[in-house]
mmCIF file of all heavy atoms, coordinates in Angstrom:
data_MODEL
# 
_entry.id   MODEL 
# 
loop_
_atom_site.group_PDB 
_atom_site.id 
_atom_site.type_symbol 
_atom_site.label_atom_id 
_atom_site.label_alt_id 
_atom_site.label_comp_id 
_atom_site.label_asym_id 
_atom_site.label_entity_id 
_atom_site.label_seq_id 
_atom_site.pdbx_PDB_ins_code 
_atom_site.Cartn_x 
_atom_site.Cartn_y 
_atom_site.Cartn_z 
_atom_site.occupancy 
_atom_site.B_iso_or_equiv 
_atom_site.pdbx_formal_charge 
_atom_site.auth_seq_id 
_atom_site.auth_comp_id 
_atom_site.auth_asym_id 
_atom_site.auth_atom_id 
_atom_site.pdbx_PDB_model_num 
ATOM 1   N N   . LEU A 1 1  ? 87.375  128.801 207.068 1.00 0.00 ? 1  LEU A N   1 
ATOM 2   C CA  . LEU A 1 1  ? 88.726  128.683 206.505 1.00 0.00 ? 1  LEU A CA  1 
ATOM 3   C C   . LEU A 1 1  ? 89.638  129.808 206.909 1.00 0.00 ? 1  LEU A C   1 
ATOM 4   O O   . LEU A 1 1  ? 90.812  129.632 207.205 1.00 0.00 ? 1  LEU A O   1 
ATOM 5   C CB  . LEU A 1 1  ? 88.614  128.540 204.957 1.00 0.00 ? 1  LEU A CB  1 
ATOM 6   C CG  . LEU A 1 1  ? 89.959  128.386 204.181 1.00 0.00 ? 1  LEU A CG  1 
ATOM 7   C CD1 . LEU A 1 1  ? 90.583  127.137 204.569 1.00 0.00 ? 1  LEU A CD1 1 
ATOM 8   C CD2 . LEU A 1 1  ? 89.597  128.352 202.638 1.00 0.00 ? 1  LEU A CD2 1 
ATOM 9   N N   . ASP A 1 2  ? 89.113  131.028 206.777 1.00 0.00 ? 2  ASP A N   1 
ATOM 10  C CA  . ASP A 1 2  ? 89.937  132.186 207.068 1.00 0.00 ? 2  ASP A CA  1 
ATOM 11  C C   . ASP A 1 2  ? 90.464  132.155 208.499 1.00 0.00 ? 2  ASP A C   1 
ATOM 12  O O   . ASP A 1 2  ? 91.656  132.471 208.701 1.00 0.00 ? 2  ASP A O   1 
ATOM 13  C CB  . ASP A 1 2  ? 89.113  133.462 206.871 1.00 0.00 ? 2  ASP A CB  1 
ATOM 14  C CG  . ASP A 1 2  ? 89.959  134.747 207.022 1.00 0.00 ? 2  ASP A CG  1 
ATOM 15  O OD1 . ASP A 1 2  ? 90.918  134.929 206.259 1.00 0.00 ? 2  ASP A OD1 1 
ATOM 16  O OD2 . ASP A 1 2  ? 89.637  135.475 207.919 1.00 0.00 ? 2  ASP A OD2 1 
ATOM 17  N N   . LYS A 1 3  ? 89.607  131.820 209.421 1.00 0.00 ? 3  LYS A N   1 
ATOM 18  C CA  . LYS A 1 3  ? 90.080  131.822 210.755 1.00 0.00 ? 3  LYS A CA  1 
ATOM 19  C C   . LYS A 1 3  ? 91.111  130.672 211.029 1.00 0.00 ? 3  LYS A C   1 
ATOM 20  O O   . LYS A 1 3  ? 92.167  130.848 211.672 1.00 0.00 ? 3  LYS A O   1 
ATOM 21  C CB  . LYS A 1 3  ? 88.851  131.554 211.713 1.00 0.00 ? 3  LYS A CB  1 
ATOM 22  C CG  . LYS A 1 3  ? 89.150  131.403 213.148 1.00 0.00 ? 3  LYS A CG  1 
ATOM 23  C CD  . LYS A 1 3  ? 89.708  132.666 213.762 1.00 0.00 ? 3  LYS A CD  1 
ATOM 24  C CE  . LYS A 1 3  ? 89.863  132.618 215.277 1.00 0.00 ? 3  LYS A CE  1 
ATOM 25  N NZ  . LYS A 1 3  ? 90.408  133.846 215.797 1.00 0.00 ? 3  LYS A NZ  1 
ATOM 26  N N   . GLY A 1 4  ? 90.818  129.562 210.453 1.00 0.00 ? 4  GLY A N   1 
ATOM 27  C CA  . GLY A 1 4  ? 91.801  128.413 210.567 1.00 0.00 ? 4  GLY A CA  1 
ATOM 28  C C   . GLY A 1 4  ? 93.119  128.717 209.959 1.00 0.00 ? 4  GLY A C   1 
ATOM 29  O O   . GLY A 1 4  ? 94.199  128.366 210.587 1.00 0.00 ? 4  GLY A O   1 
ATOM 30  N N   . ILE A 1 5  ? 93.143  129.271 208.812 1.00 0.00 ? 5  ILE A N   1 
ATOM 31  C CA  . ILE A 1 5  ? 94.417  129.696 208.122 1.00 0.00 ? 5  ILE A CA  1 
ATOM 32  C C   . ILE A 1 5  ? 95.200  130.668 209.002 1.00 0.00 ? 5  ILE A C   1 
ATOM 33  O O   . ILE A 1 5  ? 96.479  130.571 209.154 1.00 0.00 ? 5  ILE A O   1 
ATOM 34  C CB  . ILE A 1 5  ? 94.216  130.188 206.736 1.00 0.00 ? 5  ILE A CB  1 
ATOM 35  C CG1 . ILE A 1 5  ? 93.787  129.059 205.771 1.00 0.00 ? 5  ILE A CG1 1 
ATOM 36  C CG2 . ILE A 1 5  ? 95.418  130.818 206.169 1.00 0.00 ? 5  ILE A CG2 1 
ATOM 37  C CD1 . ILE A 1 5  ? 93.560  129.440 204.359 1.00 0.00 ? 5  ILE A CD1 1 
ATOM 38  N N   . SER A 1 6  ? 94.467  131.640 209.584 1.00 0.00 ? 6  SER A N   1 
ATOM 39  C CA  . SER A 1 6  ? 95.138  132.612 210.387 1.00 0.00 ? 6  SER A CA  1 
ATOM 40  C C   . SER A 1 6  ? 95.732  131.988 211.587 1.00 0.00 ? 6  SER A C   1 
ATOM 41  O O   . SER A 1 6  ? 96.946  132.320 211.948 1.00 0.00 ? 6  SER A O   1 
ATOM 42  C CB  . SER A 1 6  ? 94.084  133.697 210.890 1.00 0.00 ? 6  SER A CB  1 
ATOM 43  O OG  . SER A 1 6  ? 93.580  134.392 209.857 1.00 0.00 ? 6  SER A OG  1 
ATOM 44  N N   . LEU A 1 7  ? 95.063  131.016 212.239 1.00 0.00 ? 7  LEU A N   1 
ATOM 45  C CA  . LEU A 1 7  ? 95.656  130.353 213.412 1.00 0.00 ? 7  LEU A CA  1 
ATOM 46  C C   . LEU A 1 7  ? 96.866  129.495 212.974 1.00 0.00 ? 7  LEU A C   1 
ATOM 47  O O   . LEU A 1 7  ? 97.847  129.435 213.721 1.00 0.00 ? 7  LEU A O   1 
ATOM 48  C CB  . LEU A 1 7  ? 94.597  129.429 214.022 1.00 0.00 ? 7  LEU A CB  1 
ATOM 49  C CG  . LEU A 1 7  ? 93.476  130.123 214.776 1.00 0.00 ? 7  LEU A CG  1 
ATOM 50  C CD1 . LEU A 1 7  ? 92.434  129.098 215.290 1.00 0.00 ? 7  LEU A CD1 1 
ATOM 51  C CD2 . LEU A 1 7  ? 94.072  130.799 216.018 1.00 0.00 ? 7  LEU A CD2 1 
ATOM 52  N N   . LEU A 1 8  ? 96.780  128.876 211.759 1.00 0.00 ? 8  LEU A N   1 
ATOM 53  C CA  . LEU A 1 8  ? 97.854  128.067 211.374 1.00 0.00 ? 8  LEU A CA  1 
ATOM 54  C C   . LEU A 1 8  ? 99.095  128.909 211.012 1.00 0.00 ? 8  LEU A C   1 
ATOM 55  O O   . LEU A 1 8  ? 100.227 128.600 211.329 1.00 0.00 ? 8  LEU A O   1 
ATOM 56  C CB  . LEU A 1 8  ? 97.470  127.211 210.141 1.00 0.00 ? 8  LEU A CB  1 
ATOM 57  C CG  . LEU A 1 8  ? 98.417  126.151 209.585 1.00 0.00 ? 8  LEU A CG  1 
ATOM 58  C CD1 . LEU A 1 8  ? 99.002  125.297 210.673 1.00 0.00 ? 8  LEU A CD1 1 
ATOM 59  C CD2 . LEU A 1 8  ? 97.848  125.372 208.486 1.00 0.00 ? 8  LEU A CD2 1 
ATOM 60  N N   . ASP A 1 9  ? 98.859  130.075 210.380 1.00 0.00 ? 9  ASP A N   1 
ATOM 61  C CA  . ASP A 1 9  ? 99.971  131.019 210.059 1.00 0.00 ? 9  ASP A CA  1 
ATOM 62  C C   . ASP A 1 9  ? 100.591 131.489 211.350 1.00 0.00 ? 9  ASP A C   1 
ATOM 63  O O   . ASP A 1 9  ? 101.839 131.547 211.369 1.00 0.00 ? 9  ASP A O   1 
ATOM 64  C CB  . ASP A 1 9  ? 99.373  132.208 209.305 1.00 0.00 ? 9  ASP A CB  1 
ATOM 65  C CG  . ASP A 1 9  ? 99.031  131.858 207.870 1.00 0.00 ? 9  ASP A CG  1 
ATOM 66  O OD1 . ASP A 1 9  ? 99.552  130.839 207.322 1.00 0.00 ? 9  ASP A OD1 1 
ATOM 67  O OD2 . ASP A 1 9  ? 98.262  132.632 207.203 1.00 0.00 ? 9  ASP A OD2 1 
ATOM 68  N N   . LYS A 1 10 ? 99.845  131.806 212.325 1.00 0.00 ? 10 LYS A N   1 
ATOM 69  C CA  . LYS A 1 10 ? 100.374 132.298 213.652 1.00 0.00 ? 10 LYS A CA  1 
ATOM 70  C C   . LYS A 1 10 ? 101.237 131.148 214.271 1.00 0.00 ? 10 LYS A C   1 
ATOM 71  O O   . LYS A 1 10 ? 102.360 131.385 214.761 1.00 0.00 ? 10 LYS A O   1 
ATOM 72  C CB  . LYS A 1 10 ? 99.265  132.694 214.560 1.00 0.00 ? 10 LYS A CB  1 
ATOM 73  C CG  . LYS A 1 10 ? 99.696  133.191 215.886 1.00 0.00 ? 10 LYS A CG  1 
ATOM 74  C CD  . LYS A 1 10 ? 98.572  133.641 216.756 1.00 0.00 ? 10 LYS A CD  1 
ATOM 75  C CE  . LYS A 1 10 ? 99.121  134.145 218.147 1.00 0.00 ? 10 LYS A CE  1 
ATOM 76  N NZ  . LYS A 1 10 ? 97.979  134.560 219.022 1.00 0.00 ? 10 LYS A NZ  1 
ATOM 77  N N   . ALA A 1 11 ? 100.706 129.927 214.173 1.00 0.00 ? 11 ALA A N   1 
ATOM 78  C CA  . ALA A 1 11 ? 101.462 128.776 214.816 1.00 0.00 ? 11 ALA A CA  1 
ATOM 79  C C   . ALA A 1 11 ? 102.777 128.560 214.111 1.00 0.00 ? 11 ALA A C   1 
ATOM 80  O O   . ALA A 1 11 ? 103.817 128.293 214.693 1.00 0.00 ? 11 ALA A O   1 
ATOM 81  C CB  . ALA A 1 11 ? 100.612 127.537 214.722 1.00 0.00 ? 11 ALA A CB  1 
ATOM 82  N N   . MET A 1 12 ? 102.784 128.682 212.766 1.00 0.00 ? 12 MET A N   1 
ATOM 83  C CA  . MET A 1 12 ? 104.032 128.526 211.938 1.00 0.00 ? 12 MET A CA  1 
ATOM 84  C C   . MET A 1 12 ? 105.029 129.641 212.236 1.00 0.00 ? 12 MET A C   1 
ATOM 85  O O   . MET A 1 12 ? 106.217 129.408 212.313 1.00 0.00 ? 12 MET A O   1 
ATOM 86  C CB  . MET A 1 12 ? 103.712 128.424 210.482 1.00 0.00 ? 12 MET A CB  1 
ATOM 87  C CG  . MET A 1 12 ? 102.975 127.086 210.095 1.00 0.00 ? 12 MET A CG  1 
ATOM 88  S SD  . MET A 1 12 ? 102.885 126.811 208.319 1.00 0.00 ? 12 MET A SD  1 
ATOM 89  C CE  . MET A 1 12 ? 101.639 128.079 207.847 1.00 0.00 ? 12 MET A CE  1 
ATOM 90  N N   . GLU A 1 13 ? 104.503 130.892 212.493 1.00 0.00 ? 13 GLU A N   1 
ATOM 91  C CA  . GLU A 1 13 ? 105.395 131.941 212.903 1.00 0.00 ? 13 GLU A CA  1 
ATOM 92  C C   . GLU A 1 13 ? 106.050 131.718 214.208 1.00 0.00 ? 13 GLU A C   1 
ATOM 93  O O   . GLU A 1 13 ? 107.305 132.050 214.290 1.00 0.00 ? 13 GLU A O   1 
ATOM 94  C CB  . GLU A 1 13 ? 104.585 133.268 212.939 1.00 0.00 ? 13 GLU A CB  1 
ATOM 95  C CG  . GLU A 1 13 ? 104.068 133.815 211.619 1.00 0.00 ? 13 GLU A CG  1 
ATOM 96  C CD  . GLU A 1 13 ? 103.323 135.102 211.720 1.00 0.00 ? 13 GLU A CD  1 
ATOM 97  O OE1 . GLU A 1 13 ? 103.171 135.647 212.821 1.00 0.00 ? 13 GLU A OE1 1 
ATOM 98  O OE2 . GLU A 1 13 ? 102.674 135.524 210.714 1.00 0.00 ? 13 GLU A OE2 1 
ATOM 99  N N   . GLU A 1 14 ? 105.293 131.166 215.152 1.00 0.00 ? 14 GLU A N   1 
ATOM 100 C CA  . GLU A 1 14 ? 105.838 130.908 216.460 1.00 0.00 ? 14 GLU A CA  1 
ATOM 101 C C   . GLU A 1 14 ? 106.869 129.780 216.347 1.00 0.00 ? 14 GLU A C   1 
ATOM 102 O O   . GLU A 1 14 ? 107.939 129.758 216.969 1.00 0.00 ? 14 GLU A O   1 
ATOM 103 C CB  . GLU A 1 14 ? 104.723 130.437 217.431 1.00 0.00 ? 14 GLU A CB  1 
ATOM 104 C CG  . GLU A 1 14 ? 103.806 131.585 217.774 1.00 0.00 ? 14 GLU A CG  1 
ATOM 105 C CD  . GLU A 1 14 ? 102.613 131.134 218.632 1.00 0.00 ? 14 GLU A CD  1 
ATOM 106 O OE1 . GLU A 1 14 ? 102.457 129.852 218.823 1.00 0.00 ? 14 GLU A OE1 1 
ATOM 107 O OE2 . GLU A 1 14 ? 101.831 131.972 219.062 1.00 0.00 ? 14 GLU A OE2 1 
ATOM 108 N N   . LEU A 1 15 ? 106.645 128.747 215.510 1.00 0.00 ? 15 LEU A N   1 
ATOM 109 C CA  . LEU A 1 15 ? 107.623 127.682 215.264 1.00 0.00 ? 15 LEU A CA  1 
ATOM 110 C C   . LEU A 1 15 ? 108.878 128.239 214.694 1.00 0.00 ? 15 LEU A C   1 
ATOM 111 O O   . LEU A 1 15 ? 110.018 127.800 215.172 1.00 0.00 ? 15 LEU A O   1 
ATOM 112 C CB  . LEU A 1 15 ? 107.030 126.610 214.357 1.00 0.00 ? 15 LEU A CB  1 
ATOM 113 C CG  . LEU A 1 15 ? 105.970 125.672 214.894 1.00 0.00 ? 15 LEU A CG  1 
ATOM 114 C CD1 . LEU A 1 15 ? 105.366 124.847 213.785 1.00 0.00 ? 15 LEU A CD1 1 
ATOM 115 C CD2 . LEU A 1 15 ? 106.359 124.845 216.053 1.00 0.00 ? 15 LEU A CD2 1 
ATOM 116 N N   . LYS A 1 16 ? 108.767 129.149 213.746 1.00 0.00 ? 16 LYS A N   1 
ATOM 117 C CA  . LYS A 1 16 ? 109.909 129.779 213.112 1.00 0.00 ? 16 LYS A CA  1 
ATOM 118 C C   . LYS A 1 16 ? 110.744 130.497 214.168 1.00 0.00 ? 16 LYS A C   1 
ATOM 119 O O   . LYS A 1 16 ? 111.955 130.488 214.195 1.00 0.00 ? 16 LYS A O   1 
ATOM 120 C CB  . LYS A 1 16 ? 109.506 130.609 211.935 1.00 0.00 ? 16 LYS A CB  1 
ATOM 121 C CG  . LYS A 1 16 ? 110.650 131.080 211.128 1.00 0.00 ? 16 LYS A CG  1 
ATOM 122 C CD  . LYS A 1 16 ? 110.117 131.923 209.917 1.00 0.00 ? 16 LYS A CD  1 
ATOM 123 C CE  . LYS A 1 16 ? 111.288 132.341 209.017 1.00 0.00 ? 16 LYS A CE  1 
ATOM 124 N NZ  . LYS A 1 16 ? 110.761 133.035 207.760 1.00 0.00 ? 16 LYS A NZ  1 
ATOM 125 N N   . ALA A 1 17 ? 110.089 131.275 215.014 1.00 0.00 ? 17 ALA A N   1 
ATOM 126 C CA  . ALA A 1 17 ? 110.728 132.076 216.069 1.00 0.00 ? 17 ALA A CA  1 
ATOM 127 C C   . ALA A 1 17 ? 111.502 131.197 217.025 1.00 0.00 ? 17 ALA A C   1 
ATOM 128 O O   . ALA A 1 17 ? 112.526 131.519 217.566 1.00 0.00 ? 17 ALA A O   1 
ATOM 129 C CB  . ALA A 1 17 ? 109.716 132.968 216.747 1.00 0.00 ? 17 ALA A CB  1 
ATOM 130 N N   . GLN A 1 18 ? 110.893 129.974 217.308 1.00 0.00 ? 18 GLN A N   1 
ATOM 131 C CA  . GLN A 1 18 ? 111.445 129.061 218.227 1.00 0.00 ? 18 GLN A CA  1 
ATOM 132 C C   . GLN A 1 18 ? 112.534 128.124 217.632 1.00 0.00 ? 18 GLN A C   1 
ATOM 133 O O   . GLN A 1 18 ? 113.183 127.366 218.290 1.00 0.00 ? 18 GLN A O   1 
ATOM 134 C CB  . GLN A 1 18 ? 110.377 128.245 218.928 1.00 0.00 ? 18 GLN A CB  1 
ATOM 135 C CG  . GLN A 1 18 ? 109.348 129.012 219.720 1.00 0.00 ? 18 GLN A CG  1 
ATOM 136 C CD  . GLN A 1 18 ? 108.152 128.169 220.072 1.00 0.00 ? 18 GLN A CD  1 
ATOM 137 O OE1 . GLN A 1 18 ? 108.033 126.998 219.742 1.00 0.00 ? 18 GLN A OE1 1 
ATOM 138 N NE2 . GLN A 1 18 ? 107.191 128.905 220.656 1.00 0.00 ? 18 GLN A NE2 1 
ATOM 139 N N   . GLY A 1 19 ? 112.686 128.246 216.362 1.00 0.00 ? 19 GLY A N   1 
ATOM 140 C CA  . GLY A 1 19 ? 113.624 127.368 215.606 1.00 0.00 ? 19 GLY A CA  1 
ATOM 141 C C   . GLY A 1 19 ? 113.165 125.961 215.540 1.00 0.00 ? 19 GLY A C   1 
ATOM 142 O O   . GLY A 1 19 ? 114.016 125.009 215.307 1.00 0.00 ? 19 GLY A O   1 
ATOM 143 N N   . LYS A 1 20 ? 111.858 125.722 215.545 1.00 0.00 ? 20 LYS A N   1 
ATOM 144 C CA  . LYS A 1 20 ? 111.285 124.442 215.424 1.00 0.00 ? 20 LYS A CA  1 
ATOM 145 C C   . LYS A 1 20 ? 110.771 124.192 213.996 1.00 0.00 ? 20 LYS A C   1 
ATOM 146 O O   . LYS A 1 20 ? 110.451 125.136 213.233 1.00 0.00 ? 20 LYS A O   1 
ATOM 147 C CB  . LYS A 1 20 ? 110.207 124.194 216.418 1.00 0.00 ? 20 LYS A CB  1 
ATOM 148 C CG  . LYS A 1 20 ? 110.673 124.287 217.882 1.00 0.00 ? 20 LYS A CG  1 
ATOM 149 C CD  . LYS A 1 20 ? 109.530 124.099 218.864 1.00 0.00 ? 20 LYS A CD  1 
ATOM 150 C CE  . LYS A 1 20 ? 110.041 124.142 220.313 1.00 0.00 ? 20 LYS A CE  1 
ATOM 151 N NZ  . LYS A 1 20 ? 108.869 124.007 221.258 1.00 0.00 ? 20 LYS A NZ  1 
ATOM 152 N N   . SER A 1 21 ? 110.641 122.970 213.644 1.00 0.00 ? 21 SER A N   1 
ATOM 153 C CA  . SER A 1 21 ? 110.189 122.625 212.287 1.00 0.00 ? 21 SER A CA  1 
ATOM 154 C C   . SER A 1 21 ? 108.958 121.744 212.249 1.00 0.00 ? 21 SER A C   1 
ATOM 155 O O   . SER A 1 21 ? 108.481 121.319 211.171 1.00 0.00 ? 21 SER A O   1 
ATOM 156 C CB  . SER A 1 21 ? 111.288 121.847 211.497 1.00 0.00 ? 21 SER A CB  1 
ATOM 157 O OG  . SER A 1 21 ? 111.653 120.647 212.125 1.00 0.00 ? 21 SER A OG  1 
ATOM 158 N N   . GLN A 1 22 ? 108.363 121.382 213.480 1.00 0.00 ? 22 GLN A N   1 
ATOM 159 C CA  . GLN A 1 22 ? 107.209 120.542 213.448 1.00 0.00 ? 22 GLN A CA  1 
ATOM 160 C C   . GLN A 1 22 ? 106.002 121.112 214.169 1.00 0.00 ? 22 GLN A C   1 
ATOM 161 O O   . GLN A 1 22 ? 106.219 121.597 215.330 1.00 0.00 ? 22 GLN A O   1 
ATOM 162 C CB  . GLN A 1 22 ? 107.626 119.126 214.092 1.00 0.00 ? 22 GLN A CB  1 
ATOM 163 C CG  . GLN A 1 22 ? 106.494 118.109 213.921 1.00 0.00 ? 22 GLN A CG  1 
ATOM 164 C CD  . GLN A 1 22 ? 106.956 116.735 214.405 1.00 0.00 ? 22 GLN A CD  1 
ATOM 165 O OE1 . GLN A 1 22 ? 107.185 116.603 215.608 1.00 0.00 ? 22 GLN A OE1 1 
ATOM 166 N NE2 . GLN A 1 22 ? 106.927 115.714 213.538 1.00 0.00 ? 22 GLN A NE2 1 
ATOM 167 N N   . LEU A 1 23 ? 104.845 121.037 213.580 1.00 0.00 ? 23 LEU A N   1 
ATOM 168 C CA  . LEU A 1 23 ? 103.656 121.664 214.305 1.00 0.00 ? 23 LEU A CA  1 
ATOM 169 C C   . LEU A 1 23 ? 103.151 120.591 215.200 1.00 0.00 ? 23 LEU A C   1 
ATOM 170 O O   . LEU A 1 23 ? 103.093 119.369 214.887 1.00 0.00 ? 23 LEU A O   1 
ATOM 171 C CB  . LEU A 1 23 ? 102.587 121.894 213.208 1.00 0.00 ? 23 LEU A CB  1 
ATOM 172 C CG  . LEU A 1 23 ? 101.254 122.434 213.756 1.00 0.00 ? 23 LEU A CG  1 
ATOM 173 C CD1 . LEU A 1 23 ? 101.374 123.835 214.257 1.00 0.00 ? 23 LEU A CD1 1 
ATOM 174 C CD2 . LEU A 1 23 ? 100.174 122.296 212.690 1.00 0.00 ? 23 LEU A CD2 1 
ATOM 175 N N   . ASP A 1 24 ? 102.744 121.021 216.341 1.00 0.00 ? 24 ASP A N   1 
ATOM 176 C CA  . ASP A 1 24 ? 102.255 120.132 217.431 1.00 0.00 ? 24 ASP A CA  1 
ATOM 177 C C   . ASP A 1 24 ? 100.965 119.379 216.914 1.00 0.00 ? 24 ASP A C   1 
ATOM 178 O O   . ASP A 1 24 ? 100.116 119.999 216.345 1.00 0.00 ? 24 ASP A O   1 
ATOM 179 C CB  . ASP A 1 24 ? 101.963 120.950 218.714 1.00 0.00 ? 24 ASP A CB  1 
ATOM 180 C CG  . ASP A 1 24 ? 101.648 120.062 219.868 1.00 0.00 ? 24 ASP A CG  1 
ATOM 181 O OD1 . ASP A 1 24 ? 100.589 119.374 219.862 1.00 0.00 ? 24 ASP A OD1 1 
ATOM 182 O OD2 . ASP A 1 24 ? 102.431 120.055 220.821 1.00 0.00 ? 24 ASP A OD2 1 
ATOM 183 N N   . GLY A 1 25 ? 100.872 118.109 217.294 1.00 0.00 ? 25 GLY A N   1 
ATOM 184 C CA  . GLY A 1 25 ? 99.691  117.351 216.843 1.00 0.00 ? 25 GLY A CA  1 
ATOM 185 C C   . GLY A 1 25 ? 98.371  117.810 217.434 1.00 0.00 ? 25 GLY A C   1 
ATOM 186 O O   . GLY A 1 25 ? 97.291  117.689 216.937 1.00 0.00 ? 25 GLY A O   1 
ATOM 187 N N   . VAL A 1 26 ? 98.544  118.398 218.706 1.00 0.00 ? 26 VAL A N   1 
ATOM 188 C CA  . VAL A 1 26 ? 97.341  118.961 219.399 1.00 0.00 ? 26 VAL A CA  1 
ATOM 189 C C   . VAL A 1 26 ? 96.784  120.121 218.613 1.00 0.00 ? 26 VAL A C   1 
ATOM 190 O O   . VAL A 1 26 ? 95.524  120.206 218.454 1.00 0.00 ? 26 VAL A O   1 
ATOM 191 C CB  . VAL A 1 26 ? 97.751  119.361 220.860 1.00 0.00 ? 26 VAL A CB  1 
ATOM 192 C CG1 . VAL A 1 26 ? 96.496  120.020 221.526 1.00 0.00 ? 26 VAL A CG1 1 
ATOM 193 C CG2 . VAL A 1 26 ? 98.158  118.160 221.656 1.00 0.00 ? 26 VAL A CG2 1 
ATOM 194 N N   . GLN A 1 27 ? 97.653  121.064 218.106 1.00 0.00 ? 27 GLN A N   1 
ATOM 195 C CA  . GLN A 1 27 ? 97.151  122.137 217.345 1.00 0.00 ? 27 GLN A CA  1 
ATOM 196 C C   . GLN A 1 27 ? 96.571  121.664 215.987 1.00 0.00 ? 27 GLN A C   1 
ATOM 197 O O   . GLN A 1 27 ? 95.560  122.206 215.534 1.00 0.00 ? 27 GLN A O   1 
ATOM 198 C CB  . GLN A 1 27 ? 98.331  123.134 217.061 1.00 0.00 ? 27 GLN A CB  1 
ATOM 199 C CG  . GLN A 1 27 ? 98.862  123.823 218.234 1.00 0.00 ? 27 GLN A CG  1 
ATOM 200 C CD  . GLN A 1 27 ? 100.047 124.663 217.940 1.00 0.00 ? 27 GLN A CD  1 
ATOM 201 O OE1 . GLN A 1 27 ? 101.149 124.219 217.590 1.00 0.00 ? 27 GLN A OE1 1 
ATOM 202 N NE2 . GLN A 1 27 ? 99.911  126.046 218.116 1.00 0.00 ? 27 GLN A NE2 1 
# 
């Protein structure tokens, strides 16, 4: 769980920086 949440948090930070609002289905 800890590793998964860390990866998800990182992915959402990248989305925010890119101005996007949707997480890729592959991720």
